[in-house]
Amino acid sequence: MKKIIDFFLLFSSTSTLICCALPALLVSLGAGSTMAFISGHVPGFIWLSQNKVYLFIFAGIMLAVGGVLQVRTRNHGCPLNGSQAVSCQASKSWSKYIYFISLMIYSIGGFFAFIAPILI
């Protein structure tokens, strides 16, 4: 269950980055024609941009659920079996990194989607 939620965490936060931060980055670098090409040839790209509020709400809910699961499983022990113990420790470590990377991606996407347009 936790692996599925970690997948959705990374997927939803990455989609916020694609819909909002990527266009702002490309246009600010002077690559507007590249942005026009991407928006015309990548299926679903315009849909993500049009529904960014719902996308951010879904990603925020997923991040909250993931954070609760991170806290709840923080003190759970791993099995004593050699291979299972190693994979359990690696899974806990990777899960923590994926969660924090997802938080950073969500923050960057949120900045470019909602704050940067106000500042410009």
C-alpha atoms as a PDB file:
ATOM      1  CA  MET A   1       0.000   0.000   0.000  1.00  0.00           C
ATOM      2  CA  LYS A   2       2.791   2.396   0.918  1.00  0.00           C
ATOM      3  CA  LYS A   3       4.577   1.810  -2.395  1.00  0.00           C
ATOM      4  CA  ILE A   4       1.412   2.690  -4.288  1.00  0.00           C
ATOM      5  CA  ILE A   5       0.994   5.902  -2.309  1.00  0.00           C
ATOM      6  CA  ASP A   6       4.666   6.790  -2.857  1.00  0.00           C
ATOM      7  CA  PHE A   7       4.135   6.279  -6.592  1.00  0.00           C
ATOM      8  CA  PHE A   8       1.087   8.569  -6.598  1.00  0.00           C
ATOM      9  CA  LEU A   9       3.015  11.128  -4.537  1.00  0.00           C
ATOM     10  CA  LEU A  10       5.799  11.311  -7.066  1.00  0.00           C
ATOM     11  CA  PHE A  11       3.391  11.181 -10.029  1.00  0.00           C
ATOM     12  CA  SER A  12       1.115  13.941  -8.767  1.00  0.00           C
ATOM     13  CA  SER A  13       3.920  16.259  -7.708  1.00  0.00           C
ATOM     14  CA  THR A  14       5.773  15.700 -10.981  1.00  0.00           C
ATOM     15  CA  SER A  15       2.638  16.503 -12.955  1.00  0.00           C
ATOM     16  CA  THR A  16       2.383  19.804 -11.076  1.00  0.00           C
ATOM     17  CA  LEU A  17       5.944  20.531 -12.124  1.00  0.00           C
ATOM     18  CA  ILE A  18       5.207  19.681 -15.760  1.00  0.00           C
ATOM     19  CA  CYS A  19       2.019  21.727 -15.980  1.00  0.00           C
ATOM     20  CA  CYS A  20       3.307  24.851 -14.308  1.00  0.00           C
ATOM     21  CA  ALA A  21       7.058  25.103 -13.772  1.00  0.00           C
ATOM     22  CA  LEU A  22       8.191  23.757 -17.150  1.00  0.00           C
ATOM     23  CA  PRO A  23       6.267  26.326 -19.219  1.00  0.00           C
ATOM     24  CA  ALA A  24       7.497  29.186 -17.033  1.00  0.00           C
ATOM     25  CA  LEU A  25      11.081  27.960 -17.274  1.00  0.00           C
ATOM     26  CA  LEU A  26      11.000  27.546 -21.050  1.00  0.00           C
ATOM     27  CA  VAL A  27       9.397  30.923 -21.665  1.00  0.00           C
ATOM     28  CA  SER A  28      11.786  32.695 -19.274  1.00  0.00           C
ATOM     29  CA  LEU A  29      14.747  31.122 -21.080  1.00  0.00           C
ATOM     30  CA  GLY A  30      13.424  32.403 -24.400  1.00  0.00           C
ATOM     31  CA  ALA A  31      12.281  29.032 -25.641  1.00  0.00           C
ATOM     32  CA  GLY A  32       8.692  30.004 -26.383  1.00  0.00           C
ATOM     33  CA  SER A  33       8.693  28.112 -29.658  1.00  0.00           C
ATOM     34  CA  THR A  34       9.768  24.956 -27.809  1.00  0.00           C
ATOM     35  CA  MET A  35       6.902  25.497 -25.400  1.00  0.00           C
ATOM     36  CA  ALA A  36       4.493  25.895 -28.313  1.00  0.00           C
ATOM     37  CA  PHE A  37       5.806  22.654 -29.841  1.00  0.00           C
ATOM     38  CA  ILE A  38       5.420  20.765 -26.558  1.00  0.00           C
ATOM     39  CA  SER A  39       1.905  22.039 -25.951  1.00  0.00           C
ATOM     40  CA  GLY A  40       0.877  20.990 -29.442  1.00  0.00           C
ATOM     41  CA  HIS A  41       2.494  17.564 -29.504  1.00  0.00           C
ATOM     42  CA  VAL A  42       2.346  16.196 -25.945  1.00  0.00           C
ATOM     43  CA  PRO A  43      -1.069  14.685 -25.284  1.00  0.00           C
ATOM     44  CA  GLY A  44      -2.704  15.910 -22.104  1.00  0.00           C
ATOM     45  CA  PHE A  45      -0.342  18.827 -21.574  1.00  0.00           C
ATOM     46  CA  ILE A  46      -3.009  21.479 -22.132  1.00  0.00           C
ATOM     47  CA  TRP A  47      -5.474  19.525 -19.987  1.00  0.00           C
ATOM     48  CA  LEU A  48      -3.005  19.566 -17.072  1.00  0.00           C
ATOM     49  CA  SER A  49      -2.567  23.310 -17.426  1.00  0.00           C
ATOM     50  CA  GLN A  50      -6.301  23.956 -17.625  1.00  0.00           C
ATOM     51  CA  ASN A  51      -7.028  21.852 -14.524  1.00  0.00           C
ATOM     52  CA  LYS A  52      -4.075  22.925 -12.405  1.00  0.00           C
ATOM     53  CA  VAL A  53      -6.206  23.822  -9.378  1.00  0.00           C
ATOM     54  CA  TYR A  54      -7.653  20.306  -9.212  1.00  0.00           C
ATOM     55  CA  LEU A  55      -4.232  18.861  -9.875  1.00  0.00           C
ATOM     56  CA  PHE A  56      -2.731  20.805  -6.983  1.00  0.00           C
ATOM     57  CA  ILE A  57      -5.577  19.835  -4.654  1.00  0.00           C
ATOM     58  CA  PHE A  58      -5.110  16.148  -5.524  1.00  0.00           C
ATOM     59  CA  ALA A  59      -1.334  16.401  -5.137  1.00  0.00           C
ATOM     60  CA  GLY A  60      -1.712  18.189  -1.793  1.00  0.00           C
ATOM     61  CA  ILE A  61      -4.047  15.478  -0.504  1.00  0.00           C
ATOM     62  CA  MET A  62      -1.631  12.787  -1.652  1.00  0.00           C
ATOM     63  CA  LEU A  63       1.278  14.576   0.023  1.00  0.00           C
ATOM     64  CA  ALA A  64      -0.696  14.862   3.261  1.00  0.00           C
ATOM     65  CA  VAL A  65      -1.562  11.150   3.192  1.00  0.00           C
ATOM     66  CA  GLY A  66       2.057  10.314   2.424  1.00  0.00           C
ATOM     67  CA  GLY A  67       3.267  12.487   5.288  1.00  0.00           C
ATOM     68  CA  VAL A  68       0.899  10.782   7.715  1.00  0.00           C
ATOM     69  CA  LEU A  69       2.111   7.379   6.544  1.00  0.00           C
ATOM     70  CA  GLN A  70       5.745   8.486   6.885  1.00  0.00           C
ATOM     71  CA  VAL A  71       5.132   9.497  10.493  1.00  0.00           C
ATOM     72  CA  ARG A  72       3.136   6.369  11.329  1.00  0.00           C
ATOM     73  CA  THR A  73       5.723   3.946   9.927  1.00  0.00           C
ATOM     74  CA  ARG A  74       8.761   5.813  11.226  1.00  0.00           C
ATOM     75  CA  ASN A  75       9.063   3.711  14.382  1.00  0.00           C
ATOM     76  CA  HIS A  76       8.008   0.364  12.933  1.00  0.00           C
ATOM     77  CA  GLY A  77      10.726  -2.219  13.122  1.00  0.00           C
ATOM     78  CA  CYS A  78      12.071  -4.270  10.259  1.00  0.00           C
ATOM     79  CA  PRO A  79      12.217  -8.073  10.120  1.00  0.00           C
ATOM     80  CA  LEU A  80      15.299  -9.784  11.501  1.00  0.00           C
ATOM     81  CA  ASN A  81      15.785 -11.946   8.398  1.00  0.00           C
ATOM     82  CA  GLY A  82      18.894 -10.771   6.505  1.00  0.00           C
ATOM     83  CA  SER A  83      17.525 -10.021   3.053  1.00  0.00           C
ATOM     84  CA  GLN A  84      14.196  -8.738   4.345  1.00  0.00           C
ATOM     85  CA  ALA A  85      15.908  -6.459   6.860  1.00  0.00           C
ATOM     86  CA  VAL A  86      18.129  -4.946   4.162  1.00  0.00           C
ATOM     87  CA  SER A  87      15.221  -4.355   1.777  1.00  0.00           C
ATOM     88  CA  CYS A  88      13.094  -2.931   4.606  1.00  0.00           C
ATOM     89  CA  GLN A  89      15.781  -0.409   5.592  1.00  0.00           C
ATOM     90  CA  ALA A  90      16.369   0.538   1.959  1.00  0.00           C
ATOM     91  CA  SER A  91      12.629   0.973   1.424  1.00  0.00           C
ATOM     92  CA  LYS A  92      12.333   3.253   4.447  1.00  0.00           C
ATOM     93  CA  SER A  93      15.267   5.337   3.284  1.00  0.00           C
ATOM     94  CA  TRP A  94      14.049   5.654  -0.314  1.00  0.00           C
ATOM     95  CA  SER A  95      10.528   6.399   0.820  1.00  0.00           C
ATOM     96  CA  LYS A  96      11.758   9.328   2.885  1.00  0.00           C
ATOM     97  CA  TYR A  97      13.797  10.721  -0.012  1.00  0.00           C
ATOM     98  CA  ILE A  98      10.927  10.317  -2.464  1.00  0.00           C
ATOM     99  CA  TYR A  99       8.619  12.148  -0.084  1.00  0.00           C
ATOM    100  CA  PHE A 100      10.949  15.117   0.346  1.00  0.00           C
ATOM    101  CA  ILE A 101      11.674  15.285  -3.390  1.00  0.00           C
ATOM    102  CA  SER A 102       7.914  15.272  -4.004  1.00  0.00           C
ATOM    103  CA  LEU A 103       7.495  18.137  -1.522  1.00  0.00           C
ATOM    104  CA  MET A 104      10.170  20.163  -3.313  1.00  0.00           C
ATOM    105  CA  ILE A 105       8.641  19.497  -6.737  1.00  0.00           C
ATOM    106  CA  TYR A 106       5.181  20.425  -5.418  1.00  0.00           C
ATOM    107  CA  SER A 107       6.526  23.667  -3.962  1.00  0.00           C
ATOM    108  CA  ILE A 108       8.301  24.644  -7.184  1.00  0.00           C
ATOM    109  CA  GLY A 109       5.224  23.870  -9.266  1.00  0.00           C
ATOM    110  CA  GLY A 110       2.998  25.784  -6.843  1.00  0.00           C
ATOM    111  CA  PHE A 111       5.272  28.803  -6.974  1.00  0.00           C
ATOM    112  CA  PHE A 112       5.226  28.941 -10.764  1.00  0.00           C
ATOM    113  CA  ALA A 113       1.496  28.208 -11.000  1.00  0.00           C
ATOM    114  CA  PHE A 114       0.127  30.625  -8.432  1.00  0.00           C
ATOM    115  CA  ILE A 115       2.759  33.033  -7.061  1.00  0.00           C
ATOM    116  CA  ALA A 116       4.945  33.855 -10.076  1.00  0.00           C
ATOM    117  CA  PRO A 117       2.012  35.111 -12.216  1.00  0.00           C
ATOM    118  CA  ILE A 118       1.129  37.569  -9.451  1.00  0.00           C
ATOM    119  CA  LEU A 119       4.726  38.803  -9.236  1.00  0.00           C
ATOM    120  CA  ILE A 120       5.031  39.248 -12.996  1.00  0.00           C
END
